[in-house]
C-alpha cells in the first residue's frame, strides 16, 4: 500500500514524535486516540460537503474530505509504526486477508 519513500517518511515522523514526547504506553495511547480525533474531522468534512447541517450549509469540498481521510491514514500508520518494527508486514497481511475474503 505505501511505497518505500512513504514508509520512510512515516518512520521519520515517529522518530520526531519519540524525540518530542518519548514512546511510553501513555504516549502510544495518545497516538492511537488521535485516530478518533481525525475520524471526527472526516465526519465533519463529509457533513459539510453534503450540506447535512442546514444551519451551516455546504462548508467543505470533496478535496477537503480527501485530505481528512489522508490524515486518518497517516495517523494510523504512525500509531502502527509506534507499536511494531514491521508495520508494512502487518498492513500487507491484513490487506491480503481482506482481499481474500472478497475475492479480489
PDB file of N, CA and C in Angstrom:
ATOM      1  N   UNK A   1       0.833  -1.188   0.000  1.00  0.00           N
ATOM      2  CA  UNK A   1       0.000   0.000   0.000  1.00  0.00           C
ATOM      3  C   UNK A   1       0.875   1.249   0.000  1.00  0.00           C
ATOM      4  N   UNK A   2       1.717   1.415   0.990  1.00  0.00           N
ATOM      5  CA  UNK A   2       2.635   2.550   0.997  1.00  0.00           C
ATOM      6  C   UNK A   2       3.938   2.134   0.334  1.00  0.00           C
ATOM      7  N   UNK A   3       4.538   3.054  -0.396  1.00  0.00           N
ATOM      8  CA  UNK A   3       5.816   2.729  -1.014  1.00  0.00           C
ATOM      9  C   UNK A   3       6.960   3.012  -0.035  1.00  0.00           C
ATOM     10  N   UNK A   4       8.160   2.686  -0.446  1.00  0.00           N
ATOM     11  CA  UNK A   4       9.330   2.809   0.427  1.00  0.00           C
ATOM     12  C   UNK A   4       9.531   4.242   0.915  1.00  0.00           C
ATOM     13  N   UNK A   5       9.376   5.213   0.035  1.00  0.00           N
ATOM     14  CA  UNK A   5       9.544   6.614   0.434  1.00  0.00           C
ATOM     15  C   UNK A   5       8.494   7.037   1.457  1.00  0.00           C
ATOM     16  N   UNK A   6       7.261   6.569   1.269  1.00  0.00           N
ATOM     17  CA  UNK A   6       6.197   6.925   2.213  1.00  0.00           C
ATOM     18  C   UNK A   6       6.457   6.299   3.583  1.00  0.00           C
ATOM     19  N   UNK A   7       6.874   5.026   3.607  1.00  0.00           N
ATOM     20  CA  UNK A   7       7.196   4.403   4.889  1.00  0.00           C
ATOM     21  C   UNK A   7       8.370   5.124   5.551  1.00  0.00           C
ATOM     22  N   UNK A   8       9.339   5.558   4.761  1.00  0.00           N
ATOM     23  CA  UNK A   8      10.479   6.298   5.308  1.00  0.00           C
ATOM     24  C   UNK A   8      10.009   7.587   5.983  1.00  0.00           C
ATOM     25  N   UNK A   9       9.077   8.269   5.346  1.00  0.00           N
ATOM     26  CA  UNK A   9       8.521   9.496   5.937  1.00  0.00           C
ATOM     27  C   UNK A   9       7.778   9.177   7.231  1.00  0.00           C
ATOM     28  N   UNK A  10       7.003   8.109   7.253  1.00  0.00           N
ATOM     29  CA  UNK A  10       6.290   7.716   8.472  1.00  0.00           C
ATOM     30  C   UNK A  10       7.285   7.435   9.589  1.00  0.00           C
ATOM     31  N   UNK A  11       8.351   6.718   9.291  1.00  0.00           N
ATOM     32  CA  UNK A  11       9.377   6.425  10.310  1.00  0.00           C
ATOM     33  C   UNK A  11      10.021   7.717  10.830  1.00  0.00           C
ATOM     34  N   UNK A  12      10.266   8.672   9.936  1.00  0.00           N
ATOM     35  CA  UNK A  12      10.824   9.963  10.388  1.00  0.00           C
ATOM     36  C   UNK A  12       9.839  10.698  11.291  1.00  0.00           C
ATOM     37  N   UNK A  13       8.553  10.637  10.963  1.00  0.00           N
ATOM     38  CA  UNK A  13       7.541  11.273  11.817  1.00  0.00           C
ATOM     39  C   UNK A  13       7.499  10.613  13.199  1.00  0.00           C
ATOM     40  N   UNK A  14       7.563   9.288  13.230  1.00  0.00           N
ATOM     41  CA  UNK A  14       7.563   8.573  14.509  1.00  0.00           C
ATOM     42  C   UNK A  14       8.810   8.934  15.313  1.00  0.00           C
ATOM     43  N   UNK A  15       9.959   8.981  14.652  1.00  0.00           N
ATOM     44  CA  UNK A  15      11.184   9.361  15.361  1.00  0.00           C
ATOM     45  C   UNK A  15      11.086  10.774  15.922  1.00  0.00           C
ATOM     46  N   UNK A  16      10.503  11.685  15.149  1.00  0.00           N
ATOM     47  CA  UNK A  16      10.325  13.061  15.625  1.00  0.00           C
ATOM     48  C   UNK A  16       9.403  13.078  16.851  1.00  0.00           C
ATOM     49  N   UNK A  17       8.278  12.356  16.770  1.00  0.00           N
ATOM     50  CA  UNK A  17       7.370  12.283  17.920  1.00  0.00           C
ATOM     51  C   UNK A  17       8.067  11.671  19.132  1.00  0.00           C
ATOM     52  N   UNK A  18       8.844  10.617  18.902  1.00  0.00           N
ATOM     53  CA  UNK A  18       9.578   9.984  20.001  1.00  0.00           C
ATOM     54  C   UNK A  18      10.525  10.978  20.668  1.00  0.00           C
ATOM     55  N   UNK A  19      11.205  11.792  19.864  1.00  0.00           N
ATOM     56  CA  UNK A  19      12.123  12.789  20.421  1.00  0.00           C
ATOM     57  C   UNK A  19      11.383  13.862  21.209  1.00  0.00           C
ATOM     58  N   UNK A  20      10.206  14.224  20.733  1.00  0.00           N
ATOM     59  CA  UNK A  20       9.428  15.278  21.392  1.00  0.00           C
ATOM     60  C   UNK A  20       8.729  14.770  22.650  1.00  0.00           C
ATOM     61  N   UNK A  21       8.143  13.571  22.569  1.00  0.00           N
ATOM     62  CA  UNK A  21       7.237  13.096  23.620  1.00  0.00           C
ATOM     63  C   UNK A  21       7.630  11.772  24.253  1.00  0.00           C
ATOM     64  N   UNK A  22       8.674  11.134  23.743  1.00  0.00           N
ATOM     65  CA  UNK A  22       9.006   9.799  24.228  1.00  0.00           C
ATOM     66  C   UNK A  22       8.088   8.774  23.594  1.00  0.00           C
ATOM     67  N   UNK A  23       8.276   7.514  23.995  1.00  0.00           N
ATOM     68  CA  UNK A  23       7.417   6.451  23.476  1.00  0.00           C
ATOM     69  C   UNK A  23       7.060   5.513  24.631  1.00  0.00           C
ATOM     70  N   UNK A  24       6.331   6.044  25.559  1.00  0.00           N
ATOM     71  CA  UNK A  24       5.853   5.237  26.686  1.00  0.00           C
ATOM     72  C   UNK A  24       4.407   4.822  26.416  1.00  0.00           C
ATOM     73  N   UNK A  25       3.847   3.947  27.235  1.00  0.00           N
ATOM     74  CA  UNK A  25       2.470   3.499  26.986  1.00  0.00           C
ATOM     75  C   UNK A  25       1.455   4.639  26.894  1.00  0.00           C
ATOM     76  N   UNK A  26       1.630   5.679  27.689  1.00  0.00           N
ATOM     77  CA  UNK A  26       0.705   6.815  27.626  1.00  0.00           C
ATOM     78  C   UNK A  26       0.812   7.531  26.279  1.00  0.00           C
ATOM     79  N   UNK A  27       2.011   7.740  25.805  1.00  0.00           N
ATOM     80  CA  UNK A  27       2.207   8.405  24.515  1.00  0.00           C
ATOM     81  C   UNK A  27       1.626   7.561  23.388  1.00  0.00           C
ATOM     82  N   UNK A  28       1.848   6.265  23.424  1.00  0.00           N
ATOM     83  CA  UNK A  28       1.289   5.390  22.392  1.00  0.00           C
ATOM     84  C   UNK A  28      -0.241   5.437  22.439  1.00  0.00           C
ATOM     85  N   UNK A  29      -0.805   5.439  23.638  1.00  0.00           N
ATOM     86  CA  UNK A  29      -2.264   5.539  23.765  1.00  0.00           C
ATOM     87  C   UNK A  29      -2.777   6.826  23.130  1.00  0.00           C
ATOM     88  N   UNK A  30      -2.064   7.910  23.327  1.00  0.00           N
ATOM     89  CA  UNK A  30      -2.487   9.179  22.731  1.00  0.00           C
ATOM     90  C   UNK A  30      -2.379   9.146  21.210  1.00  0.00           C
ATOM     91  N   UNK A  31      -1.367   8.478  20.691  1.00  0.00           N
ATOM     92  CA  UNK A  31      -1.249   8.345  19.232  1.00  0.00           C
ATOM     93  C   UNK A  31      -2.409   7.535  18.674  1.00  0.00           C
ATOM     94  N   UNK A  32      -2.822   6.527  19.414  1.00  0.00           N
ATOM     95  CA  UNK A  32      -3.971   5.719  18.979  1.00  0.00           C
ATOM     96  C   UNK A  32      -5.262   6.522  19.104  1.00  0.00           C
ATOM     97  N   UNK A  33      -5.424   7.259  20.204  1.00  0.00           N
ATOM     98  CA  UNK A  33      -6.620   8.088  20.386  1.00  0.00           C
ATOM     99  C   UNK A  33      -6.708   9.202  19.354  1.00  0.00           C
ATOM    100  N   UNK A  34      -5.583   9.634  18.842  1.00  0.00           N
ATOM    101  CA  UNK A  34      -5.564  10.668  17.802  1.00  0.00           C
ATOM    102  C   UNK A  34      -6.375  10.223  16.585  1.00  0.00           C
ATOM    103  N   UNK A  35      -6.462   8.903  16.376  1.00  0.00           N
ATOM    104  CA  UNK A  35      -7.280   8.386  15.270  1.00  0.00           C
ATOM    105  C   UNK A  35      -8.745   8.791  15.413  1.00  0.00           C
ATOM    106  N   UNK A  36      -9.253   8.759  16.632  1.00  0.00           N
ATOM    107  CA  UNK A  36     -10.651   9.142  16.859  1.00  0.00           C
ATOM    108  C   UNK A  36     -10.862  10.612  16.499  1.00  0.00           C
ATOM    109  N   UNK A  37      -9.906  11.437  16.869  1.00  0.00           N
ATOM    110  CA  UNK A  37      -9.998  12.858  16.536  1.00  0.00           C
ATOM    111  C   UNK A  37     -10.009  13.058  15.019  1.00  0.00           C
ATOM    112  N   UNK A  38      -9.088  12.382  14.343  1.00  0.00           N
ATOM    113  CA  UNK A  38      -9.003  12.523  12.890  1.00  0.00           C
ATOM    114  C   UNK A  38     -10.261  11.991  12.200  1.00  0.00           C
ATOM    115  N   UNK A  39     -10.795  10.886  12.706  1.00  0.00           N
ATOM    116  CA  UNK A  39     -12.028  10.330  12.136  1.00  0.00           C
ATOM    117  C   UNK A  39     -13.173  11.323  12.298  1.00  0.00           C
ATOM    118  N   UNK A  40     -13.218  11.993  13.438  1.00  0.00           N
ATOM    119  CA  UNK A  40     -14.240  13.008  13.656  1.00  0.00           C
ATOM    120  C   UNK A  40     -14.130  14.142  12.655  1.00  0.00           C
ATOM    121  N   UNK A  41     -12.910  14.489  12.285  1.00  0.00           N
ATOM    122  CA  UNK A  41     -12.712  15.543  11.293  1.00  0.00           C
ATOM    123  C   UNK A  41     -13.173  15.090   9.910  1.00  0.00           C
ATOM    124  N   UNK A  42     -13.011  13.802   9.599  1.00  0.00           N
ATOM    125  CA  UNK A  42     -13.539  13.268   8.343  1.00  0.00           C
ATOM    126  C   UNK A  42     -15.061  13.385   8.347  1.00  0.00           C
ATOM    127  N   UNK A  43     -15.681  12.981   9.449  1.00  0.00           N
ATOM    128  CA  UNK A  43     -17.137  13.060   9.551  1.00  0.00           C
ATOM    129  C   UNK A  43     -17.613  14.500   9.409  1.00  0.00           C
ATOM    130  N   UNK A  44     -16.943  15.413  10.067  1.00  0.00           N
ATOM    131  CA  UNK A  44     -17.307  16.828   9.980  1.00  0.00           C
ATOM    132  C   UNK A  44     -17.173  17.328   8.538  1.00  0.00           C
ATOM    133  N   UNK A  45     -16.097  16.953   7.869  1.00  0.00           N
ATOM    134  CA  UNK A  45     -15.895  17.388   6.486  1.00  0.00           C
ATOM    135  C   UNK A  45     -16.966  16.804   5.568  1.00  0.00           C
ATOM    136  N   UNK A  46     -17.327  15.537   5.776  1.00  0.00           N
ATOM    137  CA  UNK A  46     -18.358  14.921   4.929  1.00  0.00           C
ATOM    138  C   UNK A  46     -19.716  15.592   5.144  1.00  0.00           C
ATOM    139  N   UNK A  47     -20.035  15.840   6.410  1.00  0.00           N
ATOM    140  CA  UNK A  47     -21.289  16.544   6.714  1.00  0.00           C
ATOM    141  C   UNK A  47     -21.275  17.920   6.061  1.00  0.00           C
ATOM    142  N   UNK A  48     -20.139  18.592   6.124  1.00  0.00           N
ATOM    143  CA  UNK A  48     -20.009  19.897   5.485  1.00  0.00           C
ATOM    144  C   UNK A  48     -20.080  19.823   3.972  1.00  0.00           C
ATOM    145  N   UNK A  49     -19.556  18.759   3.403  1.00  0.00           N
ATOM    146  CA  UNK A  49     -19.604  18.576   1.953  1.00  0.00           C
ATOM    147  C   UNK A  49     -21.036  18.328   1.471  1.00  0.00           C
ATOM    148  N   UNK A  50     -21.771  17.519   2.232  1.00  0.00           N
ATOM    149  CA  UNK A  50     -23.140  17.186   1.825  1.00  0.00           C
ATOM    150  C   UNK A  50     -24.150  18.254   2.216  1.00  0.00           C
ATOM    151  N   UNK A  51     -23.746  19.223   3.046  1.00  0.00           N
ATOM    152  CA  UNK A  51     -24.664  20.259   3.488  1.00  0.00           C
ATOM    153  C   UNK A  51     -25.714  19.737   4.454  1.00  0.00           C
ATOM    154  N   UNK A  52     -25.387  18.665   5.149  1.00  0.00           N
ATOM    155  CA  UNK A  52     -26.332  18.000   6.046  1.00  0.00           C
ATOM    156  C   UNK A  52     -26.837  18.924   7.159  1.00  0.00           C
ATOM    157  N   UNK A  53     -25.991  19.847   7.605  1.00  0.00           N
ATOM    158  CA  UNK A  53     -26.401  20.776   8.656  1.00  0.00           C
ATOM    159  C   UNK A  53     -26.999  22.024   7.989  1.00  0.00           C
ATOM    160  N   UNK A  54     -28.332  22.169   8.013  1.00  0.00           N
ATOM    161  CA  UNK A  54     -28.955  23.289   7.301  1.00  0.00           C
ATOM    162  C   UNK A  54     -28.544  24.663   7.856  1.00  0.00           C
ATOM    163  N   UNK A  55     -28.158  24.703   9.104  1.00  0.00           N
ATOM    164  CA  UNK A  55     -27.721  25.975   9.681  1.00  0.00           C
ATOM    165  C   UNK A  55     -26.410  26.445   9.049  1.00  0.00           C
ATOM    166  N   UNK A  56     -25.533  25.498   8.713  1.00  0.00           N
ATOM    167  CA  UNK A  56     -24.231  25.851   8.158  1.00  0.00           C
ATOM    168  C   UNK A  56     -24.181  25.754   6.643  1.00  0.00           C
ATOM    169  N   UNK A  57     -24.998  24.878   6.062  1.00  0.00           N
ATOM    170  CA  UNK A  57     -24.963  24.684   4.622  1.00  0.00           C
ATOM    171  C   UNK A  57     -23.736  23.893   4.192  1.00  0.00           C
ATOM    172  N   UNK A  58     -23.362  24.056   2.940  1.00  0.00           N
ATOM    173  CA  UNK A  58     -22.188  23.370   2.396  1.00  0.00           C
ATOM    174  C   UNK A  58     -20.938  24.138   2.810  1.00  0.00           C
ATOM    175  N   UNK A  59     -20.067  23.458   3.552  1.00  0.00           N
ATOM    176  CA  UNK A  59     -18.887  24.136   4.112  1.00  0.00           C
ATOM    177  C   UNK A  59     -17.563  23.515   3.676  1.00  0.00           C
ATOM    178  N   UNK A  60     -17.613  22.348   3.040  1.00  0.00           N
ATOM    179  CA  UNK A  60     -16.386  21.660   2.664  1.00  0.00           C
ATOM    180  C   UNK A  60     -16.466  21.191   1.213  1.00  0.00           C
ATOM    181  N   UNK A  61     -15.299  20.984   0.628  1.00  0.00           N
ATOM    182  CA  UNK A  61     -15.203  20.412  -0.709  1.00  0.00           C
ATOM    183  C   UNK A  61     -14.845  18.930  -0.596  1.00  0.00           C
ATOM    184  N   UNK A  62     -15.004  18.231  -1.701  1.00  0.00           N
ATOM    185  CA  UNK A  62     -14.611  16.831  -1.735  1.00  0.00           C
ATOM    186  C   UNK A  62     -13.100  16.680  -1.523  1.00  0.00           C
ATOM    187  N   UNK A  63     -12.334  17.634  -2.014  1.00  0.00           N
ATOM    188  CA  UNK A  63     -10.886  17.608  -1.775  1.00  0.00           C
ATOM    189  C   UNK A  63     -10.568  17.716  -0.286  1.00  0.00           C
ATOM    190  N   UNK A  64     -11.330  18.520   0.440  1.00  0.00           N
ATOM    191  CA  UNK A  64     -11.109  18.633   1.890  1.00  0.00           C
ATOM    192  C   UNK A  64     -11.451  17.327   2.597  1.00  0.00           C
ATOM    193  N   UNK A  65     -12.484  16.638   2.130  1.00  0.00           N
ATOM    194  CA  UNK A  65     -12.820  15.327   2.686  1.00  0.00           C
ATOM    195  C   UNK A  65     -11.651  14.368   2.436  1.00  0.00           C
ATOM    196  N   UNK A  66     -11.131  14.383   1.224  1.00  0.00           N
ATOM    197  CA  UNK A  66      -9.997  13.512   0.879  1.00  0.00           C
ATOM    198  C   UNK A  66      -8.787  13.815   1.761  1.00  0.00           C
ATOM    199  N   UNK A  67      -8.505  15.090   1.991  1.00  0.00           N
ATOM    200  CA  UNK A  67      -7.378  15.468   2.857  1.00  0.00           C
ATOM    201  C   UNK A  67      -7.563  14.934   4.274  1.00  0.00           C
ATOM    202  N   UNK A  68      -8.784  14.992   4.770  1.00  0.00           N
ATOM    203  CA  UNK A  68      -9.046  14.468   6.115  1.00  0.00           C
ATOM    204  C   UNK A  68      -8.883  12.953   6.149  1.00  0.00           C
ATOM    205  N   UNK A  69      -9.293  12.268   5.096  1.00  0.00           N
ATOM    206  CA  UNK A  69      -9.092  10.820   5.033  1.00  0.00           C
ATOM    207  C   UNK A  69      -7.607  10.473   5.033  1.00  0.00           C
ATOM    208  N   UNK A  70      -6.811  11.265   4.330  1.00  0.00           N
ATOM    209  CA  UNK A  70      -5.362  11.043   4.329  1.00  0.00           C
ATOM    210  C   UNK A  70      -4.789  11.264   5.730  1.00  0.00           C
ATOM    211  N   UNK A  71      -5.307  12.257   6.449  1.00  0.00           N
ATOM    212  CA  UNK A  71      -4.868  12.454   7.838  1.00  0.00           C
ATOM    213  C   UNK A  71      -5.105  11.196   8.673  1.00  0.00           C
ATOM    214  N   UNK A  72      -6.236  10.525   8.433  1.00  0.00           N
ATOM    215  CA  UNK A  72      -6.531   9.282   9.150  1.00  0.00           C
ATOM    216  C   UNK A  72      -5.500   8.212   8.794  1.00  0.00           C
ATOM    217  N   UNK A  73      -5.191   8.093   7.508  1.00  0.00           N
ATOM    218  CA  UNK A  73      -4.217   7.094   7.069  1.00  0.00           C
ATOM    219  C   UNK A  73      -2.853   7.357   7.696  1.00  0.00           C
ATOM    220  N   UNK A  74      -2.405   8.604   7.656  1.00  0.00           N
ATOM    221  CA  UNK A  74      -1.100   8.947   8.230  1.00  0.00           C
ATOM    222  C   UNK A  74      -1.094   8.692   9.727  1.00  0.00           C
ATOM    223  N   UNK A  75      -2.140   9.118  10.404  1.00  0.00           N
ATOM    224  CA  UNK A  75      -2.222   8.923  11.852  1.00  0.00           C
ATOM    225  C   UNK A  75      -2.215   7.440  12.200  1.00  0.00           C
ATOM    226  N   UNK A  76      -2.933   6.644  11.436  1.00  0.00           N
ATOM    227  CA  UNK A  76      -2.961   5.198  11.688  1.00  0.00           C
ATOM    228  C   UNK A  76      -1.598   4.567  11.455  1.00  0.00           C
ATOM    229  N   UNK A  77      -0.915   4.964  10.396  1.00  0.00           N
ATOM    230  CA  UNK A  77       0.402   4.374  10.137  1.00  0.00           C
ATOM    231  C   UNK A  77       1.432   4.831  11.152  1.00  0.00           C
ATOM    232  N   UNK A  78       1.307   6.043  11.652  1.00  0.00           N
ATOM    233  CA  UNK A  78       2.195   6.493  12.729  1.00  0.00           C
ATOM    234  C   UNK A  78       1.946   5.669  13.988  1.00  0.00           C
ATOM    235  N   UNK A  79       0.685   5.478  14.335  1.00  0.00           N
ATOM    236  CA  UNK A  79       0.367   4.666  15.519  1.00  0.00           C
ATOM    237  C   UNK A  79       0.865   3.237  15.338  1.00  0.00           C
ATOM    238  N   UNK A  80       0.643   2.664  14.161  1.00  0.00           N
ATOM    239  CA  UNK A  80       1.096   1.302  13.892  1.00  0.00           C
ATOM    240  C   UNK A  80       2.610   1.196  14.002  1.00  0.00           C
ATOM    241  N   UNK A  81       3.312   2.149  13.426  1.00  0.00           N
ATOM    242  CA  UNK A  81       4.774   2.145  13.464  1.00  0.00           C
ATOM    243  C   UNK A  81       5.295   2.359  14.876  1.00  0.00           C
ATOM    244  N   UNK A  82       4.490   2.968  15.717  1.00  0.00           N
ATOM    245  CA  UNK A  82       4.885   3.193  17.113  1.00  0.00           C
ATOM    246  C   UNK A  82       4.839   1.919  17.950  1.00  0.00           C
ATOM    247  N   UNK A  83       4.130   0.892  17.451  1.00  0.00           N
ATOM    248  CA  UNK A  83       3.996  -0.334  18.256  1.00  0.00           C
ATOM    249  C   UNK A  83       4.671  -1.555  17.630  1.00  0.00           C
ATOM    250  N   UNK A  84       5.192  -1.412  16.398  1.00  0.00           N
ATOM    251  CA  UNK A  84       5.856  -2.552  15.759  1.00  0.00           C
ATOM    252  C   UNK A  84       6.990  -2.066  14.859  1.00  0.00           C
ATOM    253  N   UNK A  85       8.007  -2.889  14.737  1.00  0.00           N
ATOM    254  CA  UNK A  85       9.118  -2.577  13.830  1.00  0.00           C
ATOM    255  C   UNK A  85       8.810  -2.989  12.394  1.00  0.00           C
ATOM    256  N   UNK A  86       7.688  -3.675  12.191  1.00  0.00           N
ATOM    257  CA  UNK A  86       7.334  -4.166  10.859  1.00  0.00           C
ATOM    258  C   UNK A  86       5.908  -3.766  10.488  1.00  0.00           C
ATOM    259  N   UNK A  87       5.627  -2.462  10.453  1.00  0.00           N
ATOM    260  CA  UNK A  87       4.250  -2.055  10.142  1.00  0.00           C
ATOM    261  C   UNK A  87       3.820  -2.474   8.742  1.00  0.00           C
ATOM    262  N   UNK A  88       4.762  -2.498   7.805  1.00  0.00           N
ATOM    263  CA  UNK A  88       4.431  -2.893   6.442  1.00  0.00           C
ATOM    264  C   UNK A  88       3.985  -4.357   6.366  1.00  0.00           C
ATOM    265  N   UNK A  89       4.581  -5.202   7.189  1.00  0.00           N
ATOM    266  CA  UNK A  89       4.197  -6.613   7.211  1.00  0.00           C
ATOM    267  C   UNK A  89       2.755  -6.752   7.695  1.00  0.00           C
ATOM    268  N   UNK A  90       2.411  -6.021   8.754  1.00  0.00           N
ATOM    269  CA  UNK A  90       1.040  -6.075   9.271  1.00  0.00           C
ATOM    270  C   UNK A  90       0.046  -5.521   8.255  1.00  0.00           C
ATOM    271  N   UNK A  91       0.386  -4.414   7.635  1.00  0.00           N
ATOM    272  CA  UNK A  91      -0.516  -3.809   6.654  1.00  0.00           C
ATOM    273  C   UNK A  91      -0.716  -4.737   5.462  1.00  0.00           C
ATOM    274  N   UNK A  92       0.366  -5.274   4.927  1.00  0.00           N
ATOM    275  CA  UNK A  92       0.256  -6.156   3.768  1.00  0.00           C
ATOM    276  C   UNK A  92      -0.522  -7.422   4.096  1.00  0.00           C
ATOM    277  N   UNK A  93      -0.284  -8.003   5.275  1.00  0.00           N
ATOM    278  CA  UNK A  93      -1.001  -9.223   5.670  1.00  0.00           C
ATOM    279  C   UNK A  93      -2.497  -8.954   5.818  1.00  0.00           C
ATOM    280  N   UNK A  94      -2.834  -7.833   6.421  1.00  0.00           N
ATOM    281  CA  UNK A  94      -4.249  -7.502   6.610  1.00  0.00           C
ATOM    282  C   UNK A  94      -4.936  -7.238   5.278  1.00  0.00           C
ATOM    283  N   UNK A  95      -4.267  -6.510   4.389  1.00  0.00           N
ATOM    284  CA  UNK A  95      -4.832  -6.259   3.064  1.00  0.00           C
ATOM    285  C   UNK A  95      -5.064  -7.559   2.320  1.00  0.00           C
ATOM    286  N   UNK A  96      -4.125  -8.491   2.419  1.00  0.00           N
ATOM    287  CA  UNK A  96      -4.270  -9.785   1.753  1.00  0.00           C
ATOM    288  C   UNK A  96      -5.473 -10.550   2.319  1.00  0.00           C
ATOM    289  N   UNK A  97      -5.659 -10.527   3.640  1.00  0.00           N
ATOM    290  CA  UNK A  97      -6.804 -11.199   4.247  1.00  0.00           C
ATOM    291  C   UNK A  97      -8.125 -10.586   3.786  1.00  0.00           C
ATOM    292  N   UNK A  98      -8.178  -9.283   3.761  1.00  0.00           N
ATOM    293  CA  UNK A  98      -9.409  -8.605   3.332  1.00  0.00           C
ATOM    294  C   UNK A  98      -9.690  -8.905   1.860  1.00  0.00           C
ATOM    295  N   UNK A  99      -8.672  -8.833   1.025  1.00  0.00           N
ATOM    296  CA  UNK A  99      -8.850  -9.114  -0.406  1.00  0.00           C
ATOM    297  C   UNK A  99      -9.299 -10.562  -0.621  1.00  0.00           C
ATOM    298  N   UNK A 100      -8.749 -11.486   0.150  1.00  0.00           N
ATOM    299  CA  UNK A 100      -9.136 -12.895   0.019  1.00  0.00           C
ATOM    300  C   UNK A 100     -10.596 -13.115   0.414  1.00  0.00           C
ATOM    301  N   UNK A 101     -11.057 -12.381   1.433  1.00  0.00           N
ATOM    302  CA  UNK A 101     -12.448 -12.507   1.878  1.00  0.00           C
ATOM    303  C   UNK A 101     -13.436 -12.094   0.800  1.00  0.00           C
ATOM    304  N   UNK A 102     -13.059 -11.124   0.005  1.00  0.00           N
ATOM    305  CA  UNK A 102     -13.981 -10.629  -1.015  1.00  0.00           C
ATOM    306  C   UNK A 102     -13.567 -11.043  -2.424  1.00  0.00           C
ATOM    307  N   UNK A 103     -12.569 -11.913  -2.498  1.00  0.00           N
ATOM    308  CA  UNK A 103     -12.112 -12.480  -3.772  1.00  0.00           C
ATOM    309  C   UNK A 103     -11.669 -11.422  -4.782  1.00  0.00           C
ATOM    310  N   UNK A 104     -10.830 -10.493  -4.331  1.00  0.00           N
ATOM    311  CA  UNK A 104     -10.267  -9.514  -5.276  1.00  0.00           C
ATOM    312  C   UNK A 104      -8.766  -9.598  -5.294  1.00  0.00           C
TER     313      UNK A 104
END
